[in-house]
């Protein structure tokens, strides 16, 4: 395929995590006649899926039940889940695990050859199927290997989507920047699917890889898609506190196997906060850690599993054990220094369970979407479940309906006249400033005053970014910076609209949960930066 040429395809998938890869495989298995191009802005393996340590939640144990998993999800979602949506996803869990096994995922087994199940925060039963402590990586490798066996699926790496294109009230494809040739190409498609993941890179401290800049959400917003519940950013309680090894997540499964949280002086602080103690939902644990850090004036707290059997810890958590040992921390002998960090974007593009959005020809699946599954706070290990289930449902929709869609040609991209700016430091500075203000003003605990301060500064950054965007030749850095500014504004606008504390959104000005269970929607309307909350 000519790397610099425009492309036509039946199905354009943007993103290469569990959602995007599963969608491509599911469509190709039943209808190989449907042409598929999957674009990813880095290497195909570089996705949030790769870094998911814990596992995939599913009712597998005979002592577990759909009702229990549904209830745990609803409780974690703090009254904002759509129960009928939750039921769909939970009941698809066993089929999802079976499909992954069929493709080659070797989940850990017990001595009697049953799937070994872990327990994580918010779960009352063991229901997390896992591969040691690198489940996401194991799934990603299997899906990629399966993709490479399908010659008809075209994978294009180092491509970053700039904008979706609307022609005659249908999303007709996207402008795609080729980071190899530095050209912008037209990719026209009958159906375009956003599977780009979340936006953790909006915050200074995050467990997410560098790719997680909210590109799909920002593009869909600019194109007119409904965006919902962006105020709900889940902060993972346990990211390694280490200046050299940044973004290293310590899976919640380690607490599921008995690890405890303590202050620097060894005092447990979760016992009087929640009945599940260290296994409380993530928003509660993260706020407790944040409060402990602020109260004591230290930089971190401790996560301790050193009292468990040494050989068991090394077998169950080999990646964590070996990685931290390289940093001089032996988790079988000493506690782990941890801090919370931005982890999961709960809101996103408003979608049905099959990914269908309010824009004809546009689907959104996985973390970039918002279906009502997670409500105000995601239950641990429901994310891989979500991505896989949505992908298979989206595949069914696409196979049944794609022949009703048409190709639409659209104009070539017009770039700025100036050459790439020499002062790239300005882009770096803007990105760093945005991430700092989002962490300081829009983090775990918020106030109206800090949110308004963040919004004012974001508007200034937006103006500076757009000056670069339109004046200079487009670059990957400018595209990403434009998107993180857009997503940051969506988060702040949504947070200001929610006059209560619920789930992952906590504000000191409105510390109680209100009686109204409502989503926060943002709709793109007239003008370049106009949005309406309703």
Protein backbone atom coordinates (compact mmCIF):
# COMPACT_ATOMS: atom_id res chain seq x y z
CA UNK A 1 0.00 0.00 0.00
CA UNK A 2 1.25 3.46 -0.92
CA UNK A 3 1.99 5.15 2.42
CA UNK A 4 1.41 8.64 1.06
CA UNK A 5 -1.84 7.90 -0.81
CA UNK A 6 -5.44 8.58 0.15
CA UNK A 7 -7.33 5.43 1.12
CA UNK A 8 -10.86 4.06 0.78
CA UNK A 9 -12.10 1.29 3.06
CA UNK A 10 -15.41 -0.13 4.21
CA UNK A 11 -14.38 0.03 7.87
CA UNK A 12 -11.88 2.46 9.38
CA UNK A 13 -10.84 1.60 12.94
CA UNK A 14 -8.83 4.20 14.85
CA UNK A 15 -7.00 2.60 17.79
CA UNK A 16 -5.28 -0.73 18.49
CA UNK A 17 -6.24 -1.73 22.04
CA UNK A 18 -8.51 -4.62 22.98
CA UNK A 19 -11.56 -2.85 21.51
CA UNK A 20 -10.09 -2.02 18.10
CA UNK A 21 -8.31 -5.36 17.62
CA UNK A 22 -11.31 -7.42 18.76
CA UNK A 23 -13.58 -5.48 16.40
CA UNK A 24 -11.31 -6.10 13.41
CA UNK A 25 -11.04 -9.82 14.18
CA UNK A 26 -14.76 -10.26 14.86
CA UNK A 27 -15.82 -8.62 11.58
CA UNK A 28 -13.17 -10.42 9.56
CA UNK A 29 -14.14 -13.85 10.92
CA UNK A 30 -17.72 -13.62 9.64
CA UNK A 31 -17.44 -11.20 6.71
CA UNK A 32 -13.98 -11.24 5.18
CA UNK A 33 -15.44 -9.34 2.23
CA UNK A 34 -15.56 -6.15 4.36
CA UNK A 35 -12.33 -4.21 3.82
CA UNK A 36 -10.72 -3.04 7.08
CA UNK A 37 -8.00 -0.51 7.78
CA UNK A 38 -6.85 -0.11 11.38
CA UNK A 39 -4.69 2.92 12.11
CA UNK A 40 -2.71 3.45 15.28
CA UNK A 41 -0.56 6.44 16.17
CA UNK A 42 2.34 4.39 17.50
CA UNK A 43 3.21 0.71 17.18
CA UNK A 44 0.24 -1.63 17.19
CA UNK A 45 1.15 -3.02 20.61
CA UNK A 46 1.26 0.41 22.28
CA UNK A 47 -2.17 0.78 23.85
CA UNK A 48 -3.63 1.13 27.33
CA UNK A 49 -4.59 -2.56 27.12
CA UNK A 50 -0.92 -3.49 27.25
CA UNK A 51 -0.58 -1.93 30.70
CA UNK A 52 -3.66 -3.51 32.30
CA UNK A 53 -2.21 -5.73 35.00
CA UNK A 54 -5.23 -7.00 36.93
CA UNK A 55 -7.42 -8.94 34.53
CA UNK A 56 -10.91 -9.20 33.10
CA UNK A 57 -13.91 -9.55 35.39
CA UNK A 58 -16.45 -12.28 34.66
CA UNK A 59 -18.81 -14.57 36.52
CA UNK A 60 -17.00 -17.89 36.23
CA UNK A 61 -17.01 -19.33 39.75
CA UNK A 62 -19.99 -21.49 40.76
CA UNK A 63 -20.34 -19.52 44.01
CA UNK A 64 -20.55 -16.23 42.07
CA UNK A 65 -23.59 -14.88 40.22
CA UNK A 66 -24.55 -12.30 37.61
CA UNK A 67 -26.67 -10.60 40.27
CA UNK A 68 -23.63 -10.15 42.53
CA UNK A 69 -21.41 -8.77 39.74
CA UNK A 70 -24.20 -6.44 38.63
CA UNK A 71 -24.72 -5.18 42.17
CA UNK A 72 -21.00 -4.56 42.71
CA UNK A 73 -20.88 -2.58 39.45
CA UNK A 74 -23.94 -0.52 40.42
CA UNK A 75 -22.54 0.25 43.88
CA UNK A 76 -19.19 1.34 42.45
CA UNK A 77 -21.03 3.53 39.91
CA UNK A 78 -22.60 5.55 42.74
CA UNK A 79 -26.12 5.63 41.34
CA UNK A 80 -25.24 6.73 37.82
CA UNK A 81 -24.97 3.37 36.04
CA UNK A 82 -27.71 2.36 33.63
CA UNK A 83 -28.80 -0.98 35.08
CA UNK A 84 -30.00 -2.40 31.76
CA UNK A 85 -26.59 -1.62 30.25
CA UNK A 86 -24.74 -3.16 33.20
CA UNK A 87 -26.77 -6.34 32.81
CA UNK A 88 -25.83 -6.61 29.13
CA UNK A 89 -22.10 -6.36 29.81
CA UNK A 90 -22.00 -8.62 32.87
CA UNK A 91 -23.98 -11.39 31.19
CA UNK A 92 -21.58 -11.29 28.22
CA UNK A 93 -18.57 -11.88 30.50
CA UNK A 94 -18.28 -15.67 30.19
CA UNK A 95 -18.62 -15.50 26.38
CA UNK A 96 -15.89 -12.86 26.32
CA UNK A 97 -13.47 -15.00 28.32
CA UNK A 98 -14.28 -18.02 26.13
CA UNK A 99 -13.54 -16.03 22.97
CA UNK A 100 -10.19 -14.85 24.33
CA UNK A 101 -9.29 -18.43 25.24
CA UNK A 102 -10.30 -19.54 21.72
CA UNK A 103 -7.90 -16.99 20.24
CA UNK A 104 -5.11 -18.22 22.51
CA UNK A 105 -5.10 -16.35 25.83
CA UNK A 106 -3.82 -18.72 28.53
CA UNK A 107 -5.39 -17.51 31.75
CA UNK A 108 -3.80 -18.78 34.96
CA UNK A 109 -5.24 -22.09 36.13
CA UNK A 110 -5.70 -23.76 39.51
CA UNK A 111 -4.38 -27.21 40.39
CA UNK A 112 -7.64 -28.76 39.10
CA UNK A 113 -7.32 -26.88 35.76
CA UNK A 114 -9.98 -24.25 36.47
CA UNK A 115 -9.43 -20.57 35.70
CA UNK A 116 -7.76 -18.98 38.73
CA UNK A 117 -9.79 -15.98 39.84
CA UNK A 118 -8.49 -12.92 41.66
CA UNK A 119 -10.41 -10.39 43.71
CA UNK A 120 -10.10 -6.62 43.41
CA UNK A 121 -11.54 -3.50 44.98
CA UNK A 122 -15.34 -3.27 45.04
CA UNK A 123 -15.82 -6.98 44.24
CA UNK A 124 -17.45 -9.20 46.85
CA UNK A 125 -16.35 -12.37 45.03
CA UNK A 126 -13.30 -13.66 43.20
CA UNK A 127 -14.13 -13.09 39.53
CA UNK A 128 -11.05 -11.62 37.84
CA UNK A 129 -9.48 -13.93 35.25
CA UNK A 130 -5.81 -13.05 34.89
CA UNK A 131 -2.43 -13.95 33.45
CA UNK A 132 -0.09 -13.40 36.40
CA UNK A 133 0.12 -9.59 36.78
CA UNK A 134 0.39 -8.75 33.08
CA UNK A 135 -3.02 -9.76 31.75
CA UNK A 136 -3.39 -6.85 29.35
CA UNK A 137 -0.02 -7.54 27.76
CA UNK A 138 -0.88 -11.23 27.33
CA UNK A 139 -4.22 -10.38 25.70
CA UNK A 140 -2.67 -7.73 23.46
CA UNK A 141 0.01 -10.12 22.20
CA UNK A 142 -2.55 -12.82 21.40
CA UNK A 143 -4.85 -10.42 19.53
CA UNK A 144 -1.94 -8.96 17.53
CA UNK A 145 -0.73 -12.44 16.57
CA UNK A 146 -4.25 -13.31 15.41
CA UNK A 147 -4.49 -10.04 13.45
CA UNK A 148 -1.23 -10.81 11.64
CA UNK A 149 -2.73 -14.11 10.50
CA UNK A 150 -5.47 -12.21 8.67
CA UNK A 151 -3.86 -10.80 5.52
CA UNK A 152 -7.00 -8.88 4.57
CA UNK A 153 -6.82 -6.61 7.66
CA UNK A 154 -4.54 -3.67 6.88
CA UNK A 155 -2.63 -2.26 9.85
CA UNK A 156 -1.07 1.20 9.49
CA UNK A 157 1.23 2.28 12.32
CA UNK A 158 2.51 5.76 13.19
CA UNK A 159 -0.68 7.39 11.91
CA UNK A 160 -2.58 9.91 14.00
CA UNK A 161 -6.10 10.97 13.11
CA UNK A 162 -6.57 14.75 13.00
CA UNK A 163 -10.29 15.26 12.45
CA UNK A 164 -13.40 13.38 11.42
CA UNK A 165 -15.10 14.57 8.23
CA UNK A 166 -18.87 15.05 7.94
CA UNK A 167 -20.34 14.84 4.42
CA UNK A 168 -24.10 14.97 3.85
CA UNK A 169 -24.82 14.24 7.52
CA UNK A 170 -22.58 11.19 7.61
CA UNK A 171 -19.10 10.76 9.04
CA UNK A 172 -17.26 9.98 5.83
CA UNK A 173 -13.88 9.13 7.32
CA UNK A 174 -10.97 11.12 8.70
CA UNK A 175 -7.88 13.14 7.93
CA UNK A 176 -4.91 11.01 8.97
CA UNK A 177 -1.41 12.37 9.59
CA UNK A 178 1.34 10.00 8.52
CA UNK A 179 4.14 10.51 11.03
CA UNK A 180 6.57 8.68 8.72
CA UNK A 181 6.10 10.88 5.66
CA UNK A 182 4.73 13.96 7.51
CA UNK A 183 1.79 14.09 5.10
CA UNK A 184 -1.96 14.30 5.71
CA UNK A 185 -4.09 11.80 3.78
CA UNK A 186 -7.85 11.37 3.28
CA UNK A 187 -9.20 8.08 4.63
CA UNK A 188 -12.78 7.67 3.45
CA UNK A 189 -14.91 4.92 4.96
CA UNK A 190 -18.48 3.72 5.10
CA UNK A 191 -18.19 3.36 8.88
CA UNK A 192 -15.54 4.91 11.15
CA UNK A 193 -14.92 3.56 14.65
CA UNK A 194 -13.21 5.45 17.47
CA UNK A 195 -11.31 3.01 19.68
CA UNK A 196 -8.62 5.41 20.86
CA UNK A 197 -8.85 4.87 24.63
CA UNK A 198 -8.76 7.52 27.34
CA UNK A 199 -7.07 10.78 28.23
CA UNK A 200 -4.81 10.16 31.21
CA UNK A 201 -2.06 12.32 29.70
CA UNK A 202 -4.18 15.38 30.43
CA UNK A 203 -2.91 15.03 34.02
CA UNK A 204 0.64 15.39 35.28
CA UNK A 205 0.57 12.05 37.12
CA UNK A 206 -0.99 9.12 35.28
CA UNK A 207 -0.67 5.39 34.82
CA UNK A 208 -1.40 5.80 31.11
CA UNK A 209 1.18 5.63 28.30
CA UNK A 210 2.05 8.72 26.25
CA UNK A 211 -0.52 7.84 23.57
CA UNK A 212 -3.48 8.47 25.93
CA UNK A 213 -4.19 12.05 24.91
CA UNK A 214 -7.95 11.79 24.35
CA UNK A 215 -7.68 12.11 20.57
CA UNK A 216 -10.88 10.24 19.73
CA UNK A 217 -13.00 12.10 22.26
CA UNK A 218 -11.70 15.46 21.05
CA UNK A 219 -12.26 14.59 17.39
CA UNK A 220 -15.79 13.33 18.00
CA UNK A 221 -16.62 16.47 20.00
CA UNK A 222 -15.44 18.72 17.20
CA UNK A 223 -17.50 16.69 14.73
CA UNK A 224 -20.71 17.12 16.76
CA UNK A 225 -20.89 13.94 18.83
CA UNK A 226 -22.53 13.96 22.24
CA UNK A 227 -19.97 13.81 25.03
CA UNK A 228 -21.07 12.59 28.46
CA UNK A 229 -19.79 12.60 32.05
CA UNK A 230 -16.26 13.86 31.44
CA UNK A 231 -16.00 15.06 35.04
CA UNK A 232 -15.53 11.46 36.14
CA UNK A 233 -11.81 10.71 35.94
CA UNK A 234 -10.81 7.63 37.91
CA UNK A 235 -7.61 7.97 39.89
CA UNK A 236 -5.91 4.65 40.55
CA UNK A 237 -4.85 4.41 44.20
CA UNK A 238 -1.52 2.72 43.68
CA UNK A 239 1.09 4.04 41.28
CA UNK A 240 4.72 3.54 42.25
CA UNK A 241 6.21 6.66 43.83
CA UNK A 242 9.49 6.83 41.96
CA UNK A 243 11.03 9.67 39.98
CA UNK A 244 12.97 7.31 37.68
CA UNK A 245 10.31 4.68 36.90
CA UNK A 246 7.24 6.78 36.21
CA UNK A 247 3.70 5.52 35.43
CA UNK A 248 4.32 2.05 36.90
CA UNK A 249 0.99 0.78 38.18
CA UNK A 250 0.72 -1.59 41.13
CA UNK A 251 -2.31 -3.73 40.32
CA UNK A 252 -5.32 -3.64 42.60
CA UNK A 253 -5.10 -7.43 42.66
CA UNK A 254 -2.24 -7.09 45.12
CA UNK A 255 -4.73 -5.69 47.63
CA UNK A 256 -7.12 -8.45 46.62
CA UNK A 257 -4.50 -10.91 47.85
CA UNK A 258 -4.19 -9.21 51.23
CA UNK A 259 -1.85 -6.22 50.87
CA UNK A 260 -2.58 -3.38 53.28
CA UNK A 261 -2.26 0.40 53.06
CA UNK A 262 -0.36 2.20 55.79
CA UNK A 263 1.04 5.61 56.60
CA UNK A 264 4.81 6.10 56.61
CA UNK A 265 4.88 5.09 60.28
CA UNK A 266 2.98 1.86 59.63
CA UNK A 267 -0.55 2.91 60.69
CA UNK A 268 -3.44 1.41 58.70
CA UNK A 269 -5.89 4.14 57.70
CA UNK A 270 -8.59 2.37 55.64
CA UNK A 271 -10.14 0.44 58.52
CA UNK A 272 -12.34 3.31 59.69
CA UNK A 273 -13.18 4.61 56.22
CA UNK A 274 -15.01 1.75 54.48
CA UNK A 275 -16.29 -1.70 55.39
CA UNK A 276 -14.18 -3.25 52.61
CA UNK A 277 -11.06 -1.46 53.91
CA UNK A 278 -8.31 -1.68 51.24
CA UNK A 279 -10.81 -3.25 48.83
CA UNK A 280 -13.17 -0.27 48.81
CA UNK A 281 -13.98 1.23 45.37
CA UNK A 282 -11.12 3.16 43.80
CA UNK A 283 -12.53 6.65 44.32
CA UNK A 284 -12.79 6.06 48.06
CA UNK A 285 -9.29 4.58 48.38
CA UNK A 286 -7.72 7.33 46.26
CA UNK A 287 -9.35 10.10 48.32
CA UNK A 288 -8.26 8.40 51.53
CA UNK A 289 -4.65 8.28 50.31
CA UNK A 290 -4.84 11.89 49.13
CA UNK A 291 -6.19 12.94 52.55
CA UNK A 292 -3.48 10.98 54.36
CA UNK A 293 -0.74 12.62 52.27
CA UNK A 294 -2.14 16.10 52.85
CA UNK A 295 -2.71 15.50 56.56
CA UNK A 296 0.80 14.20 57.27
CA UNK A 297 2.68 16.36 54.76
CA UNK A 298 4.51 13.38 53.20
CA UNK A 299 4.86 12.55 49.53
CA UNK A 300 3.40 9.04 49.53
CA UNK A 301 1.90 6.19 51.56
CA UNK A 302 2.89 2.52 51.72
CA UNK A 303 1.39 -0.66 50.27
CA UNK A 304 2.58 -3.73 52.14
CA UNK A 305 2.34 -7.39 51.11
CA UNK A 306 5.68 -8.42 52.66
CA UNK A 307 3.94 -10.51 55.34
CA UNK A 308 2.58 -12.97 52.73
CA UNK A 309 4.42 -16.12 51.64
CA UNK A 310 7.46 -15.05 49.62
CA UNK A 311 7.18 -17.71 46.90
CA UNK A 312 3.47 -17.04 46.43
CA UNK A 313 4.07 -13.30 45.99
CA UNK A 314 6.80 -13.94 43.41
CA UNK A 315 4.60 -16.41 41.50
CA UNK A 316 1.42 -14.31 41.58
CA UNK A 317 3.08 -10.94 40.82
CA UNK A 318 6.25 -11.73 38.85
CA UNK A 319 6.32 -8.51 36.80
CA UNK A 320 5.84 -6.25 39.80
CA UNK A 321 8.35 -8.24 41.86
CA UNK A 322 11.10 -8.19 39.22
CA UNK A 323 10.52 -4.58 38.14
CA UNK A 324 10.60 -3.21 41.68
CA UNK A 325 13.58 -5.37 42.59
CA UNK A 326 15.48 -3.54 39.84
CA UNK A 327 14.56 -0.32 41.64
CA UNK A 328 15.92 -1.64 44.94
CA UNK A 329 12.54 -2.61 46.43
CA UNK A 330 11.98 -6.24 47.48
CA UNK A 331 8.21 -6.48 47.95
CA UNK A 332 8.60 -9.74 49.87
CA UNK A 333 10.58 -7.87 52.54
CA UNK A 334 9.42 -4.23 52.48
CA UNK A 335 6.41 -2.08 51.60
CA UNK A 336 5.96 -0.25 48.29
CA UNK A 337 5.81 3.58 48.20
CA UNK A 338 2.70 4.60 46.23
CA UNK A 339 0.60 7.61 45.22
CA UNK A 340 -2.70 7.92 43.29
CA UNK A 341 -2.63 8.96 39.63
CA UNK A 342 -5.11 9.55 36.80
CA UNK A 343 -6.00 6.15 35.41
CA UNK A 344 -9.30 5.85 33.52
CA UNK A 345 -11.60 8.19 31.60
CA UNK A 346 -15.07 7.14 32.71
CA UNK A 347 -16.95 9.58 30.48
CA UNK A 348 -16.55 9.92 26.76
CA UNK A 349 -18.48 9.72 23.50
CA UNK A 350 -22.09 8.86 24.28
CA UNK A 351 -22.68 5.44 22.70
CA UNK A 352 -25.04 2.51 22.71
CA UNK A 353 -23.65 -0.85 23.82
CA UNK A 354 -22.87 -1.58 20.15
CA UNK A 355 -20.95 1.68 19.81
CA UNK A 356 -23.53 3.59 17.78
CA UNK A 357 -23.39 7.37 18.39
CA UNK A 358 -25.62 10.29 17.43
CA UNK A 359 -23.56 10.76 14.25
CA UNK A 360 -24.38 8.54 11.29
CA UNK A 361 -21.40 6.42 10.31
CA UNK A 362 -19.52 6.94 13.60
CA UNK A 363 -19.15 4.32 16.31
CA UNK A 364 -17.20 4.62 19.58
CA UNK A 365 -16.11 1.64 21.64
CA UNK A 366 -13.99 0.97 24.72
CA UNK A 367 -12.64 3.66 27.02
CA UNK A 368 -13.36 6.45 24.52
CA UNK A 369 -17.08 5.71 24.81
CA UNK A 370 -19.66 6.32 27.54
CA UNK A 371 -22.47 3.76 27.66
CA UNK A 372 -23.65 3.98 31.26
CA UNK A 373 -21.77 0.84 32.31
CA UNK A 374 -19.42 2.59 34.72
CA UNK A 375 -21.68 5.34 36.05
CA UNK A 376 -19.66 7.69 38.22
CA UNK A 377 -16.85 5.25 39.00
CA UNK A 378 -15.61 2.14 37.19
CA UNK A 379 -15.47 -1.17 39.02
CA UNK A 380 -12.01 -2.72 38.83
CA UNK A 381 -11.35 -4.98 35.80
CA UNK A 382 -14.61 -4.08 34.07
CA UNK A 383 -12.62 -2.15 31.44
CA UNK A 384 -11.21 -5.07 29.43
CA UNK A 385 -14.67 -6.61 29.64
CA UNK A 386 -16.21 -3.41 28.25
CA UNK A 387 -13.78 -3.14 25.34
CA UNK A 388 -14.23 -6.74 24.25
CA UNK A 389 -18.03 -6.86 24.61
CA UNK A 390 -18.55 -3.55 22.80
CA UNK A 391 -16.28 -4.67 19.98
CA UNK A 392 -18.26 -7.85 19.38
CA UNK A 393 -21.58 -6.00 19.52
CA UNK A 394 -20.24 -3.32 17.19
CA UNK A 395 -19.10 -6.06 14.81
CA UNK A 396 -22.64 -7.46 14.66
CA UNK A 397 -24.04 -3.99 13.92
CA UNK A 398 -21.46 -3.31 11.22
CA UNK A 399 -21.93 -6.64 9.46
CA UNK A 400 -25.70 -6.16 9.33
CA UNK A 401 -25.72 -2.50 8.32
CA UNK A 402 -22.56 -1.52 6.48
CA UNK A 403 -24.01 -2.17 3.04
CA UNK A 404 -26.50 0.67 3.66
CA UNK A 405 -23.66 3.21 3.92
CA UNK A 406 -21.93 4.92 1.00
CA UNK A 407 -18.46 6.29 0.34
CA UNK A 408 -18.15 10.07 0.26
CA UNK A 409 -15.13 11.87 -1.11
CA UNK A 410 -13.97 15.01 0.68
CA UNK A 411 -11.55 17.89 0.19
CA UNK A 412 -7.83 17.55 0.77
CA UNK A 413 -6.35 18.82 4.01
CA UNK A 414 -5.07 22.40 3.89
CA UNK A 415 -2.06 22.93 6.15
CA UNK A 416 -0.47 26.14 7.36
CA UNK A 417 2.19 27.79 5.23
CA UNK A 418 4.89 28.14 7.87
CA UNK A 419 7.50 25.45 8.39
CA UNK A 420 7.58 23.40 11.57
CA UNK A 421 8.36 25.80 14.44
CA UNK A 422 11.93 25.84 15.68
CA UNK A 423 10.74 26.71 19.16
CA UNK A 424 9.29 23.29 19.96
CA UNK A 425 9.96 24.17 23.58
CA UNK A 426 6.80 26.31 23.49
CA UNK A 427 4.67 23.26 22.70
CA UNK A 428 6.41 21.29 25.45
CA UNK A 429 5.90 24.16 27.88
CA UNK A 430 2.19 24.44 27.08
CA UNK A 431 1.68 20.71 27.53
CA UNK A 432 3.53 20.71 30.86
CA UNK A 433 1.59 23.74 32.09
CA UNK A 434 -1.74 22.17 31.16
CA UNK A 435 -0.93 18.89 32.90
CA UNK A 436 0.21 20.69 36.06
CA UNK A 437 -2.89 22.88 36.30
CA UNK A 438 -5.17 19.90 35.67
CA UNK A 439 -3.47 17.97 38.47
CA UNK A 440 -3.48 20.89 40.90
CA UNK A 441 -6.94 22.30 40.13
CA UNK A 442 -8.95 19.40 38.67
CA UNK A 443 -7.52 16.45 40.56
CA UNK A 444 -8.83 14.09 43.22
CA UNK A 445 -10.41 16.85 45.34
CA UNK A 446 -11.84 19.90 43.53
CA UNK A 447 -13.34 23.29 44.35
CA UNK A 448 -15.32 25.70 42.19
CA UNK A 449 -12.64 28.36 42.61
CA UNK A 450 -9.90 26.05 41.35
CA UNK A 451 -12.05 24.80 38.48
CA UNK A 452 -12.76 28.36 37.30
CA UNK A 453 -9.07 29.19 37.52
CA UNK A 454 -8.28 26.14 35.39
CA UNK A 455 -10.91 27.06 32.82
CA UNK A 456 -9.55 30.58 32.39
CA UNK A 457 -6.03 29.31 31.84
CA UNK A 458 -7.20 26.60 29.44
CA UNK A 459 -8.80 29.27 27.25
CA UNK A 460 -5.46 31.09 27.01
CA UNK A 461 -3.68 27.84 26.16
CA UNK A 462 -6.32 27.04 23.55
CA UNK A 463 -5.67 30.34 21.78
CA UNK A 464 -1.93 29.76 21.79
CA UNK A 465 -2.34 26.20 20.50
CA UNK A 466 -4.66 27.19 17.67
CA UNK A 467 -2.22 29.87 16.53
CA UNK A 468 0.37 27.16 16.08
CA UNK A 469 -2.17 24.75 14.64
CA UNK A 470 -3.31 26.94 11.78
CA UNK A 471 -0.06 28.80 11.06
CA UNK A 472 2.39 25.90 10.88
CA UNK A 473 2.59 22.60 9.09
CA UNK A 474 0.74 20.07 11.19
CA UNK A 475 2.84 17.83 13.46
CA UNK A 476 2.06 14.98 15.85
CA UNK A 477 2.89 17.18 18.84
CA UNK A 478 0.55 19.97 17.75
CA UNK A 479 -2.27 17.49 17.03
CA UNK A 480 -1.95 15.94 20.48
CA UNK A 481 -1.64 19.27 22.27
CA UNK A 482 -4.77 20.53 20.52
CA UNK A 483 -6.64 17.42 21.69
CA UNK A 484 -5.51 17.47 25.32
CA UNK A 485 -6.53 21.14 25.60
CA UNK A 486 -9.94 20.24 24.15
CA UNK A 487 -10.41 17.31 26.52
CA UNK A 488 -9.19 19.31 29.52
CA UNK A 489 -11.86 21.91 28.79
CA UNK A 490 -14.52 19.20 28.53
CA UNK A 491 -13.48 17.82 31.93
CA UNK A 492 -13.51 21.23 33.62
CA UNK A 493 -16.81 22.30 32.01
CA UNK A 494 -18.46 19.06 33.11
CA UNK A 495 -17.02 19.31 36.63
CA UNK A 496 -18.38 22.84 37.03
CA UNK A 497 -21.82 21.67 35.94
CA UNK A 498 -22.05 18.91 38.58
CA UNK A 499 -23.01 20.58 41.86
CA UNK A 500 -22.47 17.50 44.00
CA UNK A 501 -19.88 14.91 44.91
CA UNK A 502 -20.46 11.53 43.32
CA UNK A 503 -18.11 8.67 42.52
CA UNK A 504 -14.86 9.88 40.99
CA UNK A 505 -15.96 13.54 41.11
CA UNK A 506 -15.45 15.09 44.54
CA UNK A 507 -15.76 18.81 45.26
CA UNK A 508 -15.31 20.41 48.66
CA UNK A 509 -17.97 23.00 47.78
CA UNK A 510 -20.64 20.31 47.32
CA UNK A 511 -19.44 17.38 49.43
CA UNK A 512 -22.73 15.47 49.46
CA UNK A 513 -24.42 13.43 46.75
CA UNK A 514 -27.56 15.07 45.38
CA UNK A 515 -30.92 13.34 44.99
CA UNK A 516 -30.84 13.82 41.21
CA UNK A 517 -29.16 11.03 39.30
CA UNK A 518 -28.31 12.67 36.00
CA UNK A 519 -25.68 12.48 33.30
CA UNK A 520 -23.75 15.57 32.22
CA UNK A 521 -23.91 16.04 28.45
CA UNK A 522 -21.92 18.42 26.32
CA UNK A 523 -23.04 19.12 22.79
CA UNK A 524 -20.99 20.87 20.15
CA UNK A 525 -23.00 23.75 18.70
CA UNK A 526 -22.26 26.93 16.73
CA UNK A 527 -18.92 28.67 16.91
CA UNK A 528 -15.44 27.22 17.21
CA UNK A 529 -15.46 26.70 20.99
CA UNK A 530 -19.12 26.90 21.97
CA UNK A 531 -20.65 24.17 24.12
CA UNK A 532 -23.92 23.84 25.93
CA UNK A 533 -24.55 21.90 29.13
CA UNK A 534 -28.01 20.48 29.61
